[in-house]
Amino acid sequence: MKLRTNSDRLWGWGEAGAFNHTAAGRPANDPDGVAALMTNFIAAIGGTAWGTIATQYYQSNYNRTFSNVGNPKQELAGVWHDDATPIHNDLSPLELAQEAGRAAQHFGVNNLANANLVVATPQMYNDAGFNQGSYCAWHDYVTPISYPGVTTGIAFTNMPYVPERRARLRPGLREPRARRQQRWRHNRAGTRDRRDPD
C-alpha cells in the first residue's frame, strides 16, 4: 500500500438529461465546472503536506508486518468520460461497483491494492441514498459477497453530484441572506437576537 492511484470515471455526464441547466462559457457536460474541479484537485493533492494525513493509515501484510499509505506526487492516473454505459437515477451500490469494475478494466488497473476508482455521477443521475439525503459520498471495497460478479479487491468511491445536495436541503435549514444580515445588524447594535421564525 505504498502508492495511491486515483482514476476518475465520469459516468453519464454527456448523456441526455444528465443536467437540468447550462451555463454560458461552460461545456454542456459540466455546466458548473465540477468535473474540472475534481480532476484538478486529485491531480494536485499528491505529495502535498495536506496529503500526508493519509500516511497515518496502514494495512496488514499478513506476515506480521504493516505497510503505510504513501503520498506520491502523481495520484491522478486518468479520467474517463464514459457515456456509452447507460445510466439512470437512483443507482444501486452494485451498479456503482460494476462501473468501478469497468473503469478498472478501461484503465488497465492490475495493482488493485494501490488504486481507488472514483465513480462520479452527474446532477440528475445519482444513487438512491444520496437522493434521500443519507450522505454526500461513500467508498467501499469489493468482495464476492458484497458485490457478486465484480472483480474482488477493487476499492472505489461513489462521488454523487454534491452541488445537488445543497439544492436538496430541506427548506428553512439555512435562513435567507437578508434575514442573516438583519440579525447581524441587530447583534452589532447590541439588541437582542430573537431568531424569530421567517
N, C-alpha and C. Protein backbone atom coordinates (compact mmCIF):
# COMPACT_ATOMS: atom_id res chain seq x y z
N MET A 1 0.83 -1.18 0.00
CA MET A 1 0.00 0.00 0.00
C MET A 1 0.88 1.25 0.00
N LYS A 2 1.97 1.19 -0.68
CA LYS A 2 2.89 2.31 -0.70
C LYS A 2 2.44 3.41 -1.64
N LEU A 3 1.67 3.08 -2.65
CA LEU A 3 1.23 4.07 -3.62
C LEU A 3 -0.27 4.22 -3.57
N ARG A 4 -0.74 5.37 -3.98
CA ARG A 4 -2.17 5.57 -4.16
C ARG A 4 -2.37 6.07 -5.57
N THR A 5 -3.28 5.45 -6.27
CA THR A 5 -3.60 5.87 -7.62
C THR A 5 -5.09 6.12 -7.69
N ASN A 6 -5.49 7.26 -8.12
CA ASN A 6 -6.89 7.60 -8.29
C ASN A 6 -7.20 7.75 -9.77
N SER A 7 -8.31 7.17 -10.17
CA SER A 7 -8.79 7.33 -11.53
C SER A 7 -10.23 7.79 -11.46
N ASP A 8 -10.55 8.86 -12.16
CA ASP A 8 -11.91 9.38 -12.19
C ASP A 8 -12.67 8.77 -13.35
N ARG A 9 -13.86 8.36 -13.09
CA ARG A 9 -14.76 7.87 -14.13
C ARG A 9 -15.98 8.75 -14.08
N LEU A 10 -16.15 9.60 -15.08
CA LEU A 10 -17.29 10.49 -15.16
C LEU A 10 -18.37 9.75 -15.94
N TRP A 11 -19.25 9.11 -15.19
CA TRP A 11 -20.23 8.21 -15.78
C TRP A 11 -21.50 8.97 -16.18
N GLY A 12 -21.79 9.02 -17.46
CA GLY A 12 -23.04 9.57 -17.96
C GLY A 12 -23.11 11.08 -18.02
N TRP A 13 -22.01 11.78 -17.85
CA TRP A 13 -22.04 13.24 -17.83
C TRP A 13 -22.44 13.83 -19.17
N GLY A 14 -22.24 13.10 -20.25
CA GLY A 14 -22.59 13.60 -21.57
C GLY A 14 -23.92 13.08 -22.09
N GLU A 15 -24.61 12.29 -21.29
CA GLU A 15 -25.88 11.72 -21.73
C GLU A 15 -27.00 12.76 -21.64
N ALA A 16 -28.02 12.58 -22.50
CA ALA A 16 -29.18 13.48 -22.47
C ALA A 16 -29.83 13.42 -21.10
N GLY A 17 -30.17 14.57 -20.55
CA GLY A 17 -30.83 14.64 -19.26
C GLY A 17 -29.90 14.60 -18.06
N ALA A 18 -28.61 14.56 -18.28
CA ALA A 18 -27.66 14.48 -17.17
C ALA A 18 -27.64 15.75 -16.32
N PHE A 19 -27.97 16.89 -16.93
CA PHE A 19 -28.02 18.17 -16.22
C PHE A 19 -29.31 18.88 -16.58
N ASN A 20 -29.84 19.63 -15.63
CA ASN A 20 -31.10 20.34 -15.90
C ASN A 20 -30.87 21.82 -16.24
N HIS A 21 -29.62 22.16 -16.55
CA HIS A 21 -29.30 23.55 -16.88
C HIS A 21 -28.02 23.61 -17.71
N THR A 22 -27.74 24.77 -18.24
CA THR A 22 -26.49 25.04 -18.93
C THR A 22 -25.93 26.33 -18.35
N ALA A 23 -24.67 26.59 -18.65
CA ALA A 23 -24.04 27.83 -18.18
C ALA A 23 -23.20 28.40 -19.32
N ALA A 24 -23.32 29.67 -19.53
CA ALA A 24 -22.57 30.33 -20.60
C ALA A 24 -21.07 30.13 -20.40
N GLY A 25 -20.41 29.74 -21.47
CA GLY A 25 -18.96 29.57 -21.41
C GLY A 25 -18.50 28.25 -20.83
N ARG A 26 -19.42 27.38 -20.48
CA ARG A 26 -19.04 26.07 -19.93
C ARG A 26 -19.58 24.96 -20.81
N PRO A 27 -18.90 23.82 -20.82
CA PRO A 27 -19.40 22.72 -21.64
C PRO A 27 -20.72 22.18 -21.10
N ALA A 28 -21.56 21.68 -22.00
CA ALA A 28 -22.87 21.15 -21.60
C ALA A 28 -22.74 19.97 -20.66
N ASN A 29 -21.62 19.22 -20.75
CA ASN A 29 -21.46 18.06 -19.87
C ASN A 29 -20.74 18.39 -18.56
N ASP A 30 -20.57 19.67 -18.27
CA ASP A 30 -20.01 20.12 -16.99
C ASP A 30 -20.37 21.60 -16.77
N PRO A 31 -21.68 21.92 -16.71
CA PRO A 31 -22.10 23.32 -16.67
C PRO A 31 -21.67 24.08 -15.41
N ASP A 32 -21.36 23.36 -14.34
CA ASP A 32 -20.94 24.03 -13.10
C ASP A 32 -19.43 23.94 -12.87
N GLY A 33 -18.72 23.27 -13.78
CA GLY A 33 -17.27 23.13 -13.64
C GLY A 33 -16.85 22.12 -12.59
N VAL A 34 -17.75 21.26 -12.16
CA VAL A 34 -17.47 20.31 -11.08
C VAL A 34 -16.45 19.26 -11.52
N ALA A 35 -16.60 18.71 -12.72
CA ALA A 35 -15.66 17.70 -13.20
C ALA A 35 -14.25 18.27 -13.26
N ALA A 36 -14.13 19.48 -13.75
CA ALA A 36 -12.83 20.13 -13.83
C ALA A 36 -12.24 20.34 -12.43
N LEU A 37 -13.07 20.76 -11.48
CA LEU A 37 -12.59 20.97 -10.10
C LEU A 37 -12.11 19.66 -9.47
N MET A 38 -12.90 18.58 -9.63
CA MET A 38 -12.50 17.28 -9.06
C MET A 38 -11.19 16.81 -9.67
N THR A 39 -11.08 16.91 -10.98
CA THR A 39 -9.88 16.45 -11.67
C THR A 39 -8.67 17.26 -11.23
N ASN A 40 -8.80 18.57 -11.18
CA ASN A 40 -7.68 19.42 -10.76
C ASN A 40 -7.29 19.15 -9.31
N PHE A 41 -8.27 18.90 -8.45
CA PHE A 41 -7.99 18.62 -7.04
C PHE A 41 -7.18 17.34 -6.91
N ILE A 42 -7.65 16.27 -7.52
CA ILE A 42 -6.94 14.99 -7.38
C ILE A 42 -5.56 15.08 -8.02
N ALA A 43 -5.45 15.80 -9.13
CA ALA A 43 -4.15 15.96 -9.79
C ALA A 43 -3.16 16.74 -8.92
N ALA A 44 -3.66 17.59 -8.04
CA ALA A 44 -2.78 18.48 -7.27
C ALA A 44 -2.44 17.98 -5.87
N ILE A 45 -3.22 17.07 -5.27
CA ILE A 45 -3.01 16.75 -3.86
C ILE A 45 -1.81 15.86 -3.57
N GLY A 46 -1.36 15.08 -4.54
CA GLY A 46 -0.25 14.17 -4.29
C GLY A 46 1.02 14.88 -3.88
N GLY A 47 1.67 14.35 -2.85
CA GLY A 47 2.94 14.91 -2.38
C GLY A 47 2.82 16.17 -1.56
N THR A 48 1.59 16.62 -1.28
CA THR A 48 1.42 17.85 -0.51
C THR A 48 1.41 17.57 0.99
N ALA A 49 1.61 18.61 1.77
CA ALA A 49 1.52 18.47 3.23
C ALA A 49 0.12 18.04 3.62
N TRP A 50 -0.88 18.56 2.93
CA TRP A 50 -2.26 18.17 3.20
C TRP A 50 -2.46 16.68 2.97
N GLY A 51 -1.84 16.14 1.92
CA GLY A 51 -1.99 14.72 1.60
C GLY A 51 -1.30 13.78 2.57
N THR A 52 -0.38 14.30 3.38
CA THR A 52 0.34 13.42 4.30
C THR A 52 -0.56 12.87 5.41
N ILE A 53 -1.74 13.44 5.59
CA ILE A 53 -2.65 12.92 6.61
C ILE A 53 -2.97 11.45 6.34
N ALA A 54 -3.00 11.07 5.09
CA ALA A 54 -3.33 9.68 4.74
C ALA A 54 -2.24 8.70 5.16
N THR A 55 -1.03 9.17 5.37
CA THR A 55 0.06 8.27 5.70
C THR A 55 -0.05 7.67 7.10
N GLN A 56 -0.99 8.14 7.90
CA GLN A 56 -1.21 7.54 9.22
C GLN A 56 -1.92 6.20 9.10
N TYR A 57 -2.54 5.91 7.97
CA TYR A 57 -3.29 4.67 7.79
C TYR A 57 -2.38 3.58 7.24
N TYR A 58 -2.70 2.36 7.58
CA TYR A 58 -1.86 1.23 7.16
C TYR A 58 -2.73 -0.01 6.96
N GLN A 59 -2.10 -1.02 6.38
CA GLN A 59 -2.76 -2.30 6.22
C GLN A 59 -1.80 -3.41 6.64
N SER A 60 -2.38 -4.52 7.02
CA SER A 60 -1.57 -5.69 7.37
C SER A 60 -1.08 -6.37 6.10
N ASN A 61 0.16 -6.82 6.12
CA ASN A 61 0.70 -7.59 5.01
C ASN A 61 0.52 -9.08 5.25
N TYR A 62 -0.15 -9.43 6.34
CA TYR A 62 -0.45 -10.81 6.74
C TYR A 62 0.80 -11.64 7.01
N ASN A 63 1.88 -10.99 7.37
CA ASN A 63 3.12 -11.68 7.75
C ASN A 63 3.76 -10.98 8.95
N ARG A 64 2.92 -10.40 9.78
CA ARG A 64 3.32 -9.66 10.96
C ARG A 64 4.02 -8.33 10.64
N THR A 65 3.85 -7.84 9.44
CA THR A 65 4.35 -6.52 9.08
C THR A 65 3.18 -5.70 8.55
N PHE A 66 3.39 -4.40 8.50
CA PHE A 66 2.35 -3.48 8.05
C PHE A 66 2.94 -2.51 7.04
N SER A 67 2.10 -2.02 6.15
CA SER A 67 2.52 -1.02 5.16
C SER A 67 1.63 0.20 5.29
N ASN A 68 2.27 1.36 5.41
CA ASN A 68 1.52 2.62 5.49
C ASN A 68 1.16 3.11 4.09
N VAL A 69 0.09 3.88 4.04
CA VAL A 69 -0.31 4.52 2.79
C VAL A 69 0.75 5.56 2.45
N GLY A 70 1.03 5.71 1.19
CA GLY A 70 2.01 6.70 0.74
C GLY A 70 1.35 8.01 0.38
N ASN A 71 2.15 8.93 -0.08
CA ASN A 71 1.67 10.24 -0.53
C ASN A 71 2.45 10.63 -1.79
N PRO A 72 2.29 9.84 -2.86
CA PRO A 72 3.07 10.13 -4.07
C PRO A 72 2.65 11.42 -4.74
N LYS A 73 3.56 12.01 -5.50
CA LYS A 73 3.27 13.27 -6.18
C LYS A 73 2.18 13.13 -7.23
N GLN A 74 2.17 12.07 -7.98
CA GLN A 74 1.20 11.89 -9.06
C GLN A 74 0.15 10.86 -8.64
N GLU A 75 -1.03 11.34 -8.22
CA GLU A 75 -2.08 10.42 -7.80
C GLU A 75 -3.14 10.20 -8.86
N LEU A 76 -3.32 11.15 -9.74
CA LEU A 76 -4.35 11.01 -10.76
C LEU A 76 -3.80 10.20 -11.92
N ALA A 77 -4.38 9.01 -12.12
CA ALA A 77 -3.92 8.14 -13.19
C ALA A 77 -4.64 8.42 -14.50
N GLY A 78 -5.82 9.00 -14.43
CA GLY A 78 -6.55 9.29 -15.65
C GLY A 78 -8.00 9.62 -15.38
N VAL A 79 -8.66 10.15 -16.41
CA VAL A 79 -10.07 10.49 -16.34
C VAL A 79 -10.75 9.86 -17.55
N TRP A 80 -11.87 9.22 -17.32
CA TRP A 80 -12.61 8.56 -18.40
C TRP A 80 -14.02 9.14 -18.45
N HIS A 81 -14.36 9.78 -19.54
CA HIS A 81 -15.72 10.27 -19.77
C HIS A 81 -16.47 9.14 -20.46
N ASP A 82 -17.22 8.37 -19.71
CA ASP A 82 -17.93 7.23 -20.27
C ASP A 82 -19.41 7.54 -20.43
N ASP A 83 -19.81 7.75 -21.65
CA ASP A 83 -21.21 7.98 -21.95
C ASP A 83 -21.82 6.80 -22.71
N ALA A 84 -21.04 5.72 -22.85
CA ALA A 84 -21.52 4.55 -23.59
C ALA A 84 -22.35 3.62 -22.69
N THR A 85 -22.02 3.56 -21.41
CA THR A 85 -22.75 2.70 -20.49
C THR A 85 -23.98 3.45 -19.99
N PRO A 86 -25.18 2.91 -20.22
CA PRO A 86 -26.40 3.61 -19.79
C PRO A 86 -26.40 3.91 -18.29
N ILE A 87 -26.99 5.02 -17.94
CA ILE A 87 -27.10 5.46 -16.54
C ILE A 87 -28.54 5.88 -16.28
N HIS A 88 -28.94 5.85 -15.04
CA HIS A 88 -30.28 6.27 -14.63
C HIS A 88 -30.20 6.83 -13.23
N ASN A 89 -31.26 7.39 -12.73
CA ASN A 89 -31.27 7.93 -11.37
C ASN A 89 -31.55 6.81 -10.38
N ASP A 90 -31.28 7.04 -9.10
CA ASP A 90 -31.45 6.07 -8.02
C ASP A 90 -30.63 4.81 -8.27
N LEU A 91 -29.35 5.00 -8.56
CA LEU A 91 -28.43 3.88 -8.79
C LEU A 91 -28.26 3.05 -7.52
N SER A 92 -27.99 1.78 -7.69
CA SER A 92 -27.74 0.90 -6.54
C SER A 92 -26.23 0.81 -6.29
N PRO A 93 -25.83 0.43 -5.08
CA PRO A 93 -24.40 0.22 -4.82
C PRO A 93 -23.78 -0.80 -5.77
N LEU A 94 -24.51 -1.85 -6.11
CA LEU A 94 -23.98 -2.85 -7.04
C LEU A 94 -23.69 -2.22 -8.41
N GLU A 95 -24.58 -1.37 -8.89
CA GLU A 95 -24.35 -0.72 -10.19
C GLU A 95 -23.11 0.17 -10.14
N LEU A 96 -22.89 0.85 -9.02
CA LEU A 96 -21.70 1.69 -8.88
C LEU A 96 -20.43 0.84 -8.84
N ALA A 97 -20.49 -0.30 -8.15
CA ALA A 97 -19.35 -1.22 -8.11
C ALA A 97 -19.06 -1.78 -9.51
N GLN A 98 -20.12 -2.09 -10.25
CA GLN A 98 -19.93 -2.57 -11.62
C GLN A 98 -19.26 -1.51 -12.49
N GLU A 99 -19.62 -0.25 -12.29
CA GLU A 99 -18.98 0.83 -13.03
C GLU A 99 -17.50 0.96 -12.64
N ALA A 100 -17.21 0.79 -11.37
CA ALA A 100 -15.81 0.81 -10.93
C ALA A 100 -15.04 -0.34 -11.58
N GLY A 101 -15.69 -1.48 -11.71
CA GLY A 101 -15.06 -2.62 -12.39
C GLY A 101 -14.76 -2.31 -13.85
N ARG A 102 -15.70 -1.66 -14.53
CA ARG A 102 -15.47 -1.27 -15.92
C ARG A 102 -14.32 -0.26 -16.01
N ALA A 103 -14.25 0.65 -15.04
CA ALA A 103 -13.16 1.63 -15.02
C ALA A 103 -11.82 0.94 -14.82
N ALA A 104 -11.75 -0.03 -13.92
CA ALA A 104 -10.50 -0.76 -13.70
C ALA A 104 -10.05 -1.44 -14.98
N GLN A 105 -11.02 -2.00 -15.70
CA GLN A 105 -10.71 -2.64 -16.98
C GLN A 105 -10.26 -1.59 -18.01
N HIS A 106 -10.96 -0.49 -18.09
CA HIS A 106 -10.62 0.58 -19.05
C HIS A 106 -9.21 1.11 -18.82
N PHE A 107 -8.86 1.36 -17.55
CA PHE A 107 -7.56 1.92 -17.22
C PHE A 107 -6.46 0.86 -17.16
N GLY A 108 -6.83 -0.41 -17.23
CA GLY A 108 -5.84 -1.47 -17.13
C GLY A 108 -5.23 -1.58 -15.74
N VAL A 109 -6.03 -1.31 -14.72
CA VAL A 109 -5.53 -1.37 -13.34
C VAL A 109 -5.33 -2.84 -12.95
N ASN A 110 -4.10 -3.19 -12.68
CA ASN A 110 -3.82 -4.56 -12.24
C ASN A 110 -3.24 -4.60 -10.83
N ASN A 111 -2.92 -3.45 -10.27
CA ASN A 111 -2.45 -3.37 -8.89
C ASN A 111 -3.58 -2.78 -8.05
N LEU A 112 -4.59 -3.61 -7.77
CA LEU A 112 -5.78 -3.12 -7.07
C LEU A 112 -5.49 -2.66 -5.65
N ALA A 113 -4.44 -3.18 -5.04
CA ALA A 113 -4.11 -2.79 -3.66
C ALA A 113 -3.73 -1.33 -3.55
N ASN A 114 -3.29 -0.73 -4.65
CA ASN A 114 -2.83 0.65 -4.63
C ASN A 114 -3.67 1.58 -5.50
N ALA A 115 -4.93 1.24 -5.67
CA ALA A 115 -5.78 2.05 -6.55
C ALA A 115 -7.11 2.36 -5.89
N ASN A 116 -7.66 3.50 -6.23
CA ASN A 116 -9.02 3.86 -5.85
C ASN A 116 -9.67 4.43 -7.10
N LEU A 117 -10.79 3.86 -7.47
CA LEU A 117 -11.51 4.31 -8.65
C LEU A 117 -12.69 5.16 -8.21
N VAL A 118 -12.75 6.40 -8.67
CA VAL A 118 -13.81 7.32 -8.30
C VAL A 118 -14.87 7.28 -9.39
N VAL A 119 -16.10 6.91 -9.01
CA VAL A 119 -17.22 6.90 -9.95
C VAL A 119 -18.03 8.16 -9.65
N ALA A 120 -17.88 9.15 -10.51
CA ALA A 120 -18.56 10.44 -10.33
C ALA A 120 -19.79 10.48 -11.23
N THR A 121 -20.93 10.79 -10.63
CA THR A 121 -22.19 10.82 -11.38
C THR A 121 -22.65 12.26 -11.58
N PRO A 122 -23.40 12.53 -12.67
CA PRO A 122 -23.85 13.89 -12.96
C PRO A 122 -25.07 14.29 -12.12
N GLN A 123 -25.46 15.52 -12.24
CA GLN A 123 -26.51 16.13 -11.43
C GLN A 123 -27.79 15.30 -11.33
N MET A 124 -28.30 14.83 -12.42
CA MET A 124 -29.62 14.20 -12.43
C MET A 124 -29.59 12.68 -12.27
N TYR A 125 -28.40 12.07 -12.18
CA TYR A 125 -28.28 10.62 -12.07
C TYR A 125 -27.39 10.26 -10.88
N ASN A 126 -27.97 10.15 -9.71
CA ASN A 126 -27.22 9.82 -8.51
C ASN A 126 -27.76 8.53 -7.89
N ASP A 127 -27.10 8.10 -6.82
CA ASP A 127 -27.56 6.88 -6.16
C ASP A 127 -28.70 7.18 -5.20
N ALA A 128 -29.45 6.15 -4.86
CA ALA A 128 -30.67 6.31 -4.06
C ALA A 128 -30.39 6.92 -2.69
N GLY A 129 -29.34 6.50 -2.02
CA GLY A 129 -29.04 7.03 -0.68
C GLY A 129 -28.73 8.51 -0.71
N PHE A 130 -28.00 8.96 -1.70
CA PHE A 130 -27.72 10.39 -1.85
C PHE A 130 -29.01 11.15 -2.10
N ASN A 131 -29.84 10.61 -2.98
CA ASN A 131 -31.10 11.27 -3.30
C ASN A 131 -32.02 11.40 -2.08
N GLN A 132 -31.89 10.48 -1.13
CA GLN A 132 -32.70 10.51 0.09
C GLN A 132 -32.07 11.37 1.18
N GLY A 133 -30.89 11.93 0.90
CA GLY A 133 -30.22 12.79 1.87
C GLY A 133 -29.47 12.04 2.94
N SER A 134 -29.12 10.78 2.69
CA SER A 134 -28.44 9.96 3.71
C SER A 134 -26.97 10.30 3.88
N TYR A 135 -26.31 10.80 2.86
CA TYR A 135 -24.87 11.07 2.90
C TYR A 135 -24.50 11.90 1.68
N CYS A 136 -23.23 12.33 1.62
CA CYS A 136 -22.78 13.08 0.45
C CYS A 136 -21.96 12.20 -0.48
N ALA A 137 -21.25 11.22 0.03
CA ALA A 137 -20.45 10.30 -0.78
C ALA A 137 -20.05 9.12 0.10
N TRP A 138 -19.51 8.07 -0.49
CA TRP A 138 -19.00 6.94 0.28
C TRP A 138 -17.98 6.17 -0.52
N HIS A 139 -17.21 5.35 0.17
CA HIS A 139 -16.24 4.49 -0.51
C HIS A 139 -16.40 3.08 0.01
N ASP A 140 -15.96 2.10 -0.78
CA ASP A 140 -16.12 0.70 -0.41
C ASP A 140 -15.04 -0.13 -1.08
N TYR A 141 -15.06 -1.42 -0.76
CA TYR A 141 -14.10 -2.40 -1.24
C TYR A 141 -14.89 -3.60 -1.71
N VAL A 142 -14.60 -4.08 -2.90
CA VAL A 142 -15.38 -5.17 -3.49
C VAL A 142 -14.96 -6.53 -2.92
N THR A 143 -15.95 -7.25 -2.41
CA THR A 143 -15.80 -8.65 -2.01
C THR A 143 -16.82 -9.45 -2.81
N PRO A 144 -16.63 -10.78 -2.93
CA PRO A 144 -17.60 -11.58 -3.69
C PRO A 144 -18.99 -11.56 -3.07
N ILE A 145 -19.07 -11.38 -1.77
CA ILE A 145 -20.38 -11.39 -1.10
C ILE A 145 -21.07 -10.04 -1.27
N SER A 146 -20.31 -8.95 -1.12
CA SER A 146 -20.94 -7.62 -1.19
C SER A 146 -21.32 -7.21 -2.61
N TYR A 147 -20.51 -7.59 -3.58
CA TYR A 147 -20.76 -7.19 -4.97
C TYR A 147 -20.50 -8.38 -5.90
N PRO A 148 -21.43 -9.34 -5.94
CA PRO A 148 -21.21 -10.53 -6.78
C PRO A 148 -21.04 -10.17 -8.25
N GLY A 149 -20.06 -10.82 -8.87
CA GLY A 149 -19.81 -10.61 -10.29
C GLY A 149 -18.83 -9.49 -10.60
N VAL A 150 -18.42 -8.71 -9.58
CA VAL A 150 -17.46 -7.63 -9.78
C VAL A 150 -16.10 -8.10 -9.29
N THR A 151 -15.04 -7.71 -9.97
CA THR A 151 -13.69 -8.13 -9.61
C THR A 151 -13.40 -7.84 -8.14
N THR A 152 -13.04 -8.86 -7.40
CA THR A 152 -12.71 -8.72 -5.98
C THR A 152 -11.46 -7.87 -5.81
N GLY A 153 -11.48 -7.00 -4.80
CA GLY A 153 -10.31 -6.20 -4.47
C GLY A 153 -10.34 -4.78 -4.97
N ILE A 154 -11.36 -4.42 -5.73
CA ILE A 154 -11.44 -3.04 -6.23
C ILE A 154 -11.88 -2.11 -5.10
N ALA A 155 -11.12 -1.07 -4.86
CA ALA A 155 -11.52 -0.01 -3.93
C ALA A 155 -12.09 1.12 -4.79
N PHE A 156 -13.28 1.59 -4.41
CA PHE A 156 -13.89 2.63 -5.21
C PHE A 156 -14.61 3.64 -4.34
N THR A 157 -14.82 4.81 -4.92
CA THR A 157 -15.54 5.89 -4.26
C THR A 157 -16.77 6.24 -5.10
N ASN A 158 -17.90 6.29 -4.44
CA ASN A 158 -19.12 6.79 -5.08
C ASN A 158 -19.14 8.29 -4.83
N MET A 159 -19.03 9.07 -5.91
CA MET A 159 -18.99 10.53 -5.79
C MET A 159 -20.20 11.11 -6.51
N PRO A 160 -21.33 11.25 -5.80
CA PRO A 160 -22.50 11.88 -6.41
C PRO A 160 -22.22 13.35 -6.72
N TYR A 161 -23.16 13.97 -7.39
CA TYR A 161 -23.03 15.37 -7.77
C TYR A 161 -23.35 16.22 -6.55
N VAL A 162 -22.34 16.49 -5.74
CA VAL A 162 -22.51 17.12 -4.44
C VAL A 162 -23.18 18.50 -4.49
N PRO A 163 -22.95 19.33 -5.52
CA PRO A 163 -23.69 20.60 -5.53
C PRO A 163 -25.21 20.39 -5.51
N GLU A 164 -25.66 19.24 -5.99
CA GLU A 164 -27.09 18.95 -5.96
C GLU A 164 -27.56 18.72 -4.53
N ARG A 165 -26.68 18.30 -3.66
CA ARG A 165 -27.02 18.08 -2.25
C ARG A 165 -27.54 19.36 -1.61
N ARG A 166 -26.87 20.46 -1.93
CA ARG A 166 -27.29 21.75 -1.37
C ARG A 166 -28.69 22.10 -1.84
N ALA A 167 -28.98 21.78 -3.09
CA ALA A 167 -30.30 22.09 -3.64
C ALA A 167 -31.39 21.24 -2.99
N ARG A 168 -31.01 20.10 -2.42
CA ARG A 168 -32.00 19.19 -1.83
C ARG A 168 -32.20 19.41 -0.33
N LEU A 169 -31.45 20.34 0.27
CA LEU A 169 -31.62 20.60 1.69
C LEU A 169 -33.06 21.02 1.97
N ARG A 170 -33.55 20.63 3.11
CA ARG A 170 -34.95 20.97 3.41
C ARG A 170 -35.10 22.48 3.55
N PRO A 171 -36.21 23.01 3.11
CA PRO A 171 -36.43 24.46 3.20
C PRO A 171 -36.32 24.93 4.66
N GLY A 172 -35.71 26.08 4.84
CA GLY A 172 -35.59 26.64 6.17
C GLY A 172 -34.35 26.21 6.93
N LEU A 173 -33.60 25.23 6.38
CA LEU A 173 -32.41 24.77 7.06
C LEU A 173 -31.37 25.90 7.12
N ARG A 174 -31.29 26.67 6.06
CA ARG A 174 -30.39 27.82 6.04
C ARG A 174 -31.26 29.05 5.84
N GLU A 175 -31.18 29.96 6.78
CA GLU A 175 -32.05 31.12 6.68
C GLU A 175 -31.62 32.04 5.53
N PRO A 176 -32.55 32.75 4.96
CA PRO A 176 -32.23 33.64 3.84
C PRO A 176 -31.18 34.68 4.22
N ARG A 177 -30.41 35.10 3.23
CA ARG A 177 -29.32 36.06 3.46
C ARG A 177 -29.81 37.36 4.08
N ALA A 178 -30.93 37.88 3.61
CA ALA A 178 -31.46 39.14 4.16
C ALA A 178 -31.74 38.99 5.65
N ARG A 179 -32.26 37.84 6.05
CA ARG A 179 -32.57 37.59 7.47
C ARG A 179 -31.28 37.51 8.29
N ARG A 180 -30.24 36.86 7.75
CA ARG A 180 -28.96 36.76 8.46
C ARG A 180 -28.36 38.15 8.64
N GLN A 181 -28.43 38.99 7.58
CA GLN A 181 -27.88 40.34 7.67
C GLN A 181 -28.64 41.18 8.69
N GLN A 182 -29.96 41.02 8.73
CA GLN A 182 -30.77 41.77 9.69
C GLN A 182 -30.38 41.35 11.11
N ARG A 183 -30.21 40.07 11.36
CA ARG A 183 -29.83 39.57 12.68
C ARG A 183 -28.45 40.09 13.06
N TRP A 184 -27.52 40.14 12.08
CA TRP A 184 -26.18 40.63 12.35
C TRP A 184 -26.23 42.10 12.75
N ARG A 185 -27.04 42.90 12.03
CA ARG A 185 -27.14 44.33 12.37
C ARG A 185 -27.71 44.52 13.78
N HIS A 186 -28.71 43.71 14.15
CA HIS A 186 -29.28 43.81 15.49
C HIS A 186 -28.24 43.43 16.54
N ASN A 187 -27.48 42.37 16.29
CA ASN A 187 -26.46 41.96 17.25
C ASN A 187 -25.37 43.01 17.38
N ARG A 188 -25.00 43.61 16.26
CA ARG A 188 -23.96 44.62 16.27
C ARG A 188 -24.42 45.85 17.05
N ALA A 189 -25.69 46.18 16.96
CA ALA A 189 -26.24 47.34 17.66
C ALA A 189 -26.48 47.05 19.14
N GLY A 190 -26.25 45.81 19.54
CA GLY A 190 -26.44 45.46 20.94
C GLY A 190 -27.85 45.05 21.28
N THR A 191 -28.69 44.90 20.28
CA THR A 191 -30.06 44.45 20.56
C THR A 191 -30.09 42.93 20.61
N ARG A 192 -31.12 42.44 21.21
CA ARG A 192 -31.26 41.00 21.40
C ARG A 192 -31.61 40.31 20.08
N ASP A 193 -30.99 39.15 19.85
CA ASP A 193 -31.27 38.35 18.67
C ASP A 193 -32.39 37.35 19.06
N ARG A 194 -33.59 37.58 18.59
CA ARG A 194 -34.71 36.72 18.98
C ARG A 194 -34.83 35.50 18.10
N ARG A 195 -34.18 35.49 16.95
CA ARG A 195 -34.27 34.39 16.00
C ARG A 195 -35.71 34.01 15.72
N ASP A 196 -36.48 35.02 15.42
CA ASP A 196 -37.89 34.77 15.08
C ASP A 196 -37.96 33.92 13.83
N PRO A 197 -38.94 33.04 13.74
CA PRO A 197 -39.06 32.25 12.52
C PRO A 197 -39.46 33.14 11.35
N ASP A 198 -39.03 32.74 10.17
CA ASP A 198 -39.36 33.51 8.96
C ASP A 198 -40.80 33.32 8.60
